[in-house]
Amino acid sequence: MKEYIKNGSKVLFDYVTSLILFVVFLYVFMSLAKDNFGVLLPYYSLLLFLFAYPLKGLVYGLLGIVPIALPVAVAALIHLGDDISEHIKELAINTFLGPVFFMAKWFDESVLGYIAAILLIPLISTLGYLAGYYGIEIMGKLKKKKALPEKGFAKSPWNPSNIPDKASAKKKKHVKKNPQNADEGK
């Protein structure tokens, strides 16, 4: 009975996490869908349902980006008033976002672009976790290593399998000697 409660709690946690994500991103979805909100809502719901159970990647990604997102958000909310100070603040934010700044730039450095840049890490983390969850090896498919031809393996002289057995030793004794070698031995 304890195992059932434990597994049921995991399912409930995953569902509540999915529900929270559904509500949190609903505003973004509404702003993107605009007049088609009613038509696209089931697809949005389906998308979040697909992520309802293997959500650990998203949780890991969100936990990983929080130390970056919080200072960026606080810095963005502070208005310094001076144009030079605002420009330095913008450069600091862009530098802090470094590897994901391209996403903000694609959105012309708008608020939506910065949000997309920050959420890119959890998205990639989620997709990576889902790929692992479903057994898809992304890096293996990207690398596609060429099979190396097998080379002959030379055994060590100290390898016990190199010691000739008695049957092979008898065969060597019965080999006829070359007459030239017989003369050299004298």
C-alpha atoms as a PDB file:
ATOM      1  CA  MET A   1       0.000   0.000   0.000  1.00  0.00           C
ATOM      2  CA  LYS A   2       2.896   2.329   0.808  1.00  0.00           C
ATOM      3  CA  GLU A   3       4.301   1.814  -2.708  1.00  0.00           C
ATOM      4  CA  TYR A   4       0.950   2.766  -4.276  1.00  0.00           C
ATOM      5  CA  ILE A   5       0.807   5.978  -2.259  1.00  0.00           C
ATOM      6  CA  LYS A   6       4.404   6.806  -3.177  1.00  0.00           C
ATOM      7  CA  ASN A   7       3.843   6.257  -6.918  1.00  0.00           C
ATOM      8  CA  GLY A   8       0.491   8.072  -6.786  1.00  0.00           C
ATOM      9  CA  SER A   9       2.221  11.023  -5.132  1.00  0.00           C
ATOM     10  CA  LYS A  10       4.786  11.129  -7.943  1.00  0.00           C
ATOM     11  CA  VAL A  11       2.014  11.224 -10.548  1.00  0.00           C
ATOM     12  CA  LEU A  12       0.205  13.933  -8.584  1.00  0.00           C
ATOM     13  CA  PHE A  13       3.409  15.981  -8.319  1.00  0.00           C
ATOM     14  CA  ASP A  14       4.019  15.672 -12.072  1.00  0.00           C
ATOM     15  CA  TYR A  15       0.441  16.684 -12.817  1.00  0.00           C
ATOM     16  CA  VAL A  16       0.539  19.681 -10.470  1.00  0.00           C
ATOM     17  CA  THR A  17       3.858  20.754 -11.997  1.00  0.00           C
ATOM     18  CA  SER A  18       2.317  20.463 -15.452  1.00  0.00           C
ATOM     19  CA  LEU A  19      -0.714  22.450 -14.294  1.00  0.00           C
ATOM     20  CA  ILE A  20       1.493  25.214 -12.892  1.00  0.00           C
ATOM     21  CA  LEU A  21       3.409  25.374 -16.171  1.00  0.00           C
ATOM     22  CA  PHE A  22       0.110  25.441 -18.063  1.00  0.00           C
ATOM     23  CA  VAL A  23      -1.036  28.470 -16.079  1.00  0.00           C
ATOM     24  CA  VAL A  24       2.349  30.250 -16.087  1.00  0.00           C
ATOM     25  CA  PHE A  25       2.778  30.040 -19.871  1.00  0.00           C
ATOM     26  CA  LEU A  26      -0.912  30.602 -20.630  1.00  0.00           C
ATOM     27  CA  TYR A  27      -0.443  34.366 -20.882  1.00  0.00           C
ATOM     28  CA  VAL A  28       2.430  33.959 -23.341  1.00  0.00           C
ATOM     29  CA  PHE A  29       0.314  31.503 -25.319  1.00  0.00           C
ATOM     30  CA  MET A  30      -2.653  33.909 -25.297  1.00  0.00           C
ATOM     31  CA  SER A  31      -0.493  36.762 -26.574  1.00  0.00           C
ATOM     32  CA  LEU A  32       0.870  34.589 -29.393  1.00  0.00           C
ATOM     33  CA  ALA A  33      -2.468  32.985 -30.323  1.00  0.00           C
ATOM     34  CA  LYS A  34      -4.515  36.233 -30.153  1.00  0.00           C
ATOM     35  CA  ASP A  35      -7.828  35.645 -31.950  1.00  0.00           C
ATOM     36  CA  ASN A  36      -7.105  31.921 -32.482  1.00  0.00           C
ATOM     37  CA  PHE A  37      -6.853  31.255 -28.750  1.00  0.00           C
ATOM     38  CA  GLY A  38      -9.971  29.054 -28.604  1.00  0.00           C
ATOM     39  CA  VAL A  39      -8.869  26.999 -31.612  1.00  0.00           C
ATOM     40  CA  LEU A  40      -5.253  26.561 -30.483  1.00  0.00           C
ATOM     41  CA  LEU A  41      -5.929  25.958 -26.775  1.00  0.00           C
ATOM     42  CA  PRO A  42      -6.401  22.165 -27.169  1.00  0.00           C
ATOM     43  CA  TYR A  43      -3.027  21.938 -28.960  1.00  0.00           C
ATOM     44  CA  TYR A  44      -1.367  23.929 -26.194  1.00  0.00           C
ATOM     45  CA  SER A  45      -2.973  21.605 -23.667  1.00  0.00           C
ATOM     46  CA  LEU A  46      -1.790  18.532 -25.603  1.00  0.00           C
ATOM     47  CA  LEU A  47       1.751  19.883 -25.763  1.00  0.00           C
ATOM     48  CA  LEU A  48       1.874  20.323 -22.009  1.00  0.00           C
ATOM     49  CA  PHE A  49       0.252  16.921 -21.486  1.00  0.00           C
ATOM     50  CA  LEU A  50       3.086  15.304 -23.449  1.00  0.00           C
ATOM     51  CA  PHE A  51       5.513  16.825 -20.954  1.00  0.00           C
ATOM     52  CA  ALA A  52       3.346  16.025 -17.914  1.00  0.00           C
ATOM     53  CA  TYR A  53       5.275  13.007 -16.673  1.00  0.00           C
ATOM     54  CA  PRO A  54       8.923  13.242 -17.679  1.00  0.00           C
ATOM     55  CA  LEU A  55       9.337  16.799 -16.344  1.00  0.00           C
ATOM     56  CA  LYS A  56      12.572  16.373 -14.428  1.00  0.00           C
ATOM     57  CA  GLY A  57      14.547  17.958 -17.265  1.00  0.00           C
ATOM     58  CA  LEU A  58      12.435  21.090 -17.058  1.00  0.00           C
ATOM     59  CA  VAL A  59      12.785  21.243 -13.289  1.00  0.00           C
ATOM     60  CA  TYR A  60      16.564  20.787 -13.576  1.00  0.00           C
ATOM     61  CA  GLY A  61      16.765  23.434 -16.278  1.00  0.00           C
ATOM     62  CA  LEU A  62      14.682  25.916 -14.291  1.00  0.00           C
ATOM     63  CA  LEU A  63      16.772  25.329 -11.177  1.00  0.00           C
ATOM     64  CA  GLY A  64      19.914  25.785 -13.247  1.00  0.00           C
ATOM     65  CA  ILE A  65      18.824  29.067 -14.837  1.00  0.00           C
ATOM     66  CA  VAL A  66      17.403  30.728 -11.698  1.00  0.00           C
ATOM     67  CA  PRO A  67      20.834  32.024 -10.582  1.00  0.00           C
ATOM     68  CA  ILE A  68      21.118  33.753 -13.967  1.00  0.00           C
ATOM     69  CA  ALA A  69      17.477  34.839 -14.382  1.00  0.00           C
ATOM     70  CA  LEU A  70      17.097  36.544 -10.996  1.00  0.00           C
ATOM     71  CA  PRO A  71      20.009  39.013 -11.322  1.00  0.00           C
ATOM     72  CA  VAL A  72      19.026  39.731 -14.936  1.00  0.00           C
ATOM     73  CA  ALA A  73      15.416  40.409 -13.907  1.00  0.00           C
ATOM     74  CA  VAL A  74      16.454  42.621 -10.991  1.00  0.00           C
ATOM     75  CA  ALA A  75      18.912  44.539 -13.183  1.00  0.00           C
ATOM     76  CA  ALA A  76      16.257  44.990 -15.868  1.00  0.00           C
ATOM     77  CA  LEU A  77      13.812  46.441 -13.336  1.00  0.00           C
ATOM     78  CA  ILE A  78      16.286  49.022 -12.018  1.00  0.00           C
ATOM     79  CA  HIS A  79      16.175  52.317 -13.907  1.00  0.00           C
ATOM     80  CA  LEU A  80      19.368  54.308 -13.552  1.00  0.00           C
ATOM     81  CA  GLY A  81      18.149  57.428 -15.392  1.00  0.00           C
ATOM     82  CA  ASP A  82      21.460  58.248 -17.069  1.00  0.00           C
ATOM     83  CA  ASP A  83      21.864  57.102 -20.698  1.00  0.00           C
ATOM     84  CA  ILE A  84      25.456  55.988 -20.183  1.00  0.00           C
ATOM     85  CA  SER A  85      24.535  54.006 -17.059  1.00  0.00           C
ATOM     86  CA  GLU A  86      21.569  52.413 -18.864  1.00  0.00           C
ATOM     87  CA  HIS A  87      23.855  51.407 -21.732  1.00  0.00           C
ATOM     88  CA  ILE A  88      26.382  49.885 -19.314  1.00  0.00           C
ATOM     89  CA  LYS A  89      23.529  48.036 -17.570  1.00  0.00           C
ATOM     90  CA  GLU A  90      22.323  46.695 -20.944  1.00  0.00           C
ATOM     91  CA  LEU A  91      25.855  45.534 -21.813  1.00  0.00           C
ATOM     92  CA  ALA A  92      26.137  43.837 -18.415  1.00  0.00           C
ATOM     93  CA  ILE A  93      22.831  42.006 -18.930  1.00  0.00           C
ATOM     94  CA  ASN A  94      23.824  40.935 -22.441  1.00  0.00           C
ATOM     95  CA  THR A  95      27.194  39.734 -21.179  1.00  0.00           C
ATOM     96  CA  PHE A  96      25.551  37.871 -18.309  1.00  0.00           C
ATOM     97  CA  LEU A  97      23.284  36.077 -20.810  1.00  0.00           C
ATOM     98  CA  GLY A  98      26.332  35.384 -23.014  1.00  0.00           C
ATOM     99  CA  PRO A  99      25.671  31.982 -24.643  1.00  0.00           C
ATOM    100  CA  VAL A 100      21.913  32.577 -25.024  1.00  0.00           C
ATOM    101  CA  PHE A 101      22.113  36.249 -26.035  1.00  0.00           C
ATOM    102  CA  PHE A 102      21.558  35.293 -29.689  1.00  0.00           C
ATOM    103  CA  MET A 103      17.925  34.495 -28.806  1.00  0.00           C
ATOM    104  CA  ALA A 104      17.365  37.977 -27.376  1.00  0.00           C
ATOM    105  CA  LYS A 105      19.015  39.490 -30.442  1.00  0.00           C
ATOM    106  CA  TRP A 106      16.729  37.517 -32.789  1.00  0.00           C
ATOM    107  CA  PHE A 107      13.771  39.173 -31.041  1.00  0.00           C
ATOM    108  CA  ASP A 108      15.405  42.630 -31.401  1.00  0.00           C
ATOM    109  CA  GLU A 109      16.330  42.669 -27.715  1.00  0.00           C
ATOM    110  CA  SER A 110      12.696  42.968 -26.655  1.00  0.00           C
ATOM    111  CA  VAL A 111      11.334  41.779 -23.327  1.00  0.00           C
ATOM    112  CA  LEU A 112       9.983  38.671 -25.080  1.00  0.00           C
ATOM    113  CA  GLY A 113      13.459  38.046 -26.522  1.00  0.00           C
ATOM    114  CA  TYR A 114      15.093  38.151 -23.101  1.00  0.00           C
ATOM    115  CA  ILE A 115      12.412  35.838 -21.683  1.00  0.00           C
ATOM    116  CA  ALA A 116      12.957  33.445 -24.601  1.00  0.00           C
ATOM    117  CA  ALA A 117      16.715  33.561 -24.032  1.00  0.00           C
ATOM    118  CA  ILE A 118      16.322  32.721 -20.354  1.00  0.00           C
ATOM    119  CA  LEU A 119      13.818  29.923 -21.049  1.00  0.00           C
ATOM    120  CA  LEU A 120      16.020  28.389 -23.740  1.00  0.00           C
ATOM    121  CA  ILE A 121      18.142  26.543 -21.171  1.00  0.00           C
ATOM    122  CA  PRO A 122      15.174  24.827 -19.455  1.00  0.00           C
ATOM    123  CA  LEU A 123      13.737  23.990 -22.887  1.00  0.00           C
ATOM    124  CA  ILE A 124      16.942  22.312 -24.028  1.00  0.00           C
ATOM    125  CA  SER A 125      17.245  20.554 -20.685  1.00  0.00           C
ATOM    126  CA  THR A 126      13.673  19.258 -21.042  1.00  0.00           C
ATOM    127  CA  LEU A 127      14.239  18.055 -24.591  1.00  0.00           C
ATOM    128  CA  GLY A 128      17.470  16.340 -23.543  1.00  0.00           C
ATOM    129  CA  TYR A 129      15.751  14.642 -20.630  1.00  0.00           C
ATOM    130  CA  LEU A 130      12.839  13.565 -22.845  1.00  0.00           C
ATOM    131  CA  ALA A 131      15.253  12.145 -25.398  1.00  0.00           C
ATOM    132  CA  GLY A 132      16.948  10.119 -22.681  1.00  0.00           C
ATOM    133  CA  TYR A 133      13.592   9.128 -21.202  1.00  0.00           C
ATOM    134  CA  TYR A 134      12.440   7.742 -24.548  1.00  0.00           C
ATOM    135  CA  GLY A 135      15.837   6.228 -25.449  1.00  0.00           C
ATOM    136  CA  ILE A 136      16.783   8.624 -28.250  1.00  0.00           C
ATOM    137  CA  GLU A 137      20.541   9.087 -28.508  1.00  0.00           C
ATOM    138  CA  ILE A 138      20.951  12.547 -30.001  1.00  0.00           C
ATOM    139  CA  MET A 139      24.730  12.838 -29.748  1.00  0.00           C
ATOM    140  CA  GLY A 140      25.219   9.368 -31.211  1.00  0.00           C
ATOM    141  CA  LYS A 141      23.148  10.348 -34.231  1.00  0.00           C
ATOM    142  CA  LEU A 142      24.961  13.657 -34.633  1.00  0.00           C
ATOM    143  CA  LYS A 143      28.452  12.214 -34.428  1.00  0.00           C
ATOM    144  CA  LYS A 144      27.897   9.020 -36.476  1.00  0.00           C
ATOM    145  CA  LYS A 145      31.385   7.657 -35.944  1.00  0.00           C
ATOM    146  CA  LYS A 146      32.838   5.643 -38.769  1.00  0.00           C
ATOM    147  CA  ALA A 147      33.538   2.047 -37.943  1.00  0.00           C
ATOM    148  CA  LEU A 148      37.264   1.546 -37.659  1.00  0.00           C
ATOM    149  CA  PRO A 149      38.682  -1.468 -39.467  1.00  0.00           C
ATOM    150  CA  GLU A 150      39.838  -4.161 -37.128  1.00  0.00           C
ATOM    151  CA  LYS A 151      43.592  -4.479 -36.974  1.00  0.00           C
ATOM    152  CA  GLY A 152      45.450  -7.642 -36.221  1.00  0.00           C
ATOM    153  CA  PHE A 153      46.274  -8.073 -32.582  1.00  0.00           C
ATOM    154  CA  ALA A 154      49.819  -9.176 -31.792  1.00  0.00           C
ATOM    155  CA  LYS A 155      49.938 -11.222 -28.643  1.00  0.00           C
ATOM    156  CA  SER A 156      52.529 -10.485 -26.032  1.00  0.00           C
ATOM    157  CA  PRO A 157      55.441 -12.943 -25.896  1.00  0.00           C
ATOM    158  CA  TRP A 158      54.551 -13.494 -22.248  1.00  0.00           C
ATOM    159  CA  ASN A 159      50.965 -14.456 -23.080  1.00  0.00           C
ATOM    160  CA  PRO A 160      50.401 -18.069 -21.910  1.00  0.00           C
ATOM    161  CA  SER A 161      48.506 -18.866 -25.113  1.00  0.00           C
ATOM    162  CA  ASN A 162      51.728 -18.285 -27.074  1.00  0.00           C
ATOM    163  CA  ILE A 163      53.426 -21.257 -25.399  1.00  0.00           C
ATOM    164  CA  PRO A 164      53.370 -24.100 -27.882  1.00  0.00           C
ATOM    165  CA  ASP A 165      51.692 -27.260 -26.739  1.00  0.00           C
ATOM    166  CA  LYS A 166      53.306 -30.721 -27.092  1.00  0.00           C
ATOM    167  CA  ALA A 167      51.554 -31.553 -30.389  1.00  0.00           C
ATOM    168  CA  SER A 168      52.877 -28.458 -32.149  1.00  0.00           C
ATOM    169  CA  ALA A 169      56.362 -29.041 -30.671  1.00  0.00           C
ATOM    170  CA  LYS A 170      56.488 -32.546 -32.226  1.00  0.00           C
ATOM    171  CA  LYS A 171      55.544 -31.147 -35.627  1.00  0.00           C
ATOM    172  CA  LYS A 172      58.450 -28.724 -35.467  1.00  0.00           C
ATOM    173  CA  LYS A 173      60.931 -31.557 -34.748  1.00  0.00           C
ATOM    174  CA  HIS A 174      59.862 -33.489 -37.837  1.00  0.00           C
ATOM    175  CA  VAL A 175      60.483 -30.562 -40.165  1.00  0.00           C
ATOM    176  CA  LYS A 176      63.305 -31.336 -42.574  1.00  0.00           C
ATOM    177  CA  LYS A 177      66.329 -29.179 -42.230  1.00  0.00           C
ATOM    178  CA  ASN A 178      67.555 -27.133 -45.112  1.00  0.00           C
ATOM    179  CA  PRO A 179      70.914 -28.456 -46.395  1.00  0.00           C
ATOM    180  CA  GLN A 180      72.394 -24.978 -46.387  1.00  0.00           C
ATOM    181  CA  ASN A 181      71.587 -24.534 -42.704  1.00  0.00           C
ATOM    182  CA  ALA A 182      73.091 -27.944 -41.881  1.00  0.00           C
ATOM    183  CA  ASP A 183      76.432 -26.932 -43.358  1.00  0.00           C
ATOM    184  CA  GLU A 184      76.509 -23.667 -41.457  1.00  0.00           C
ATOM    185  CA  GLY A 185      76.168 -25.435 -38.111  1.00  0.00           C
ATOM    186  CA  LYS A 186      79.491 -27.340 -38.635  1.00  0.00           C
END
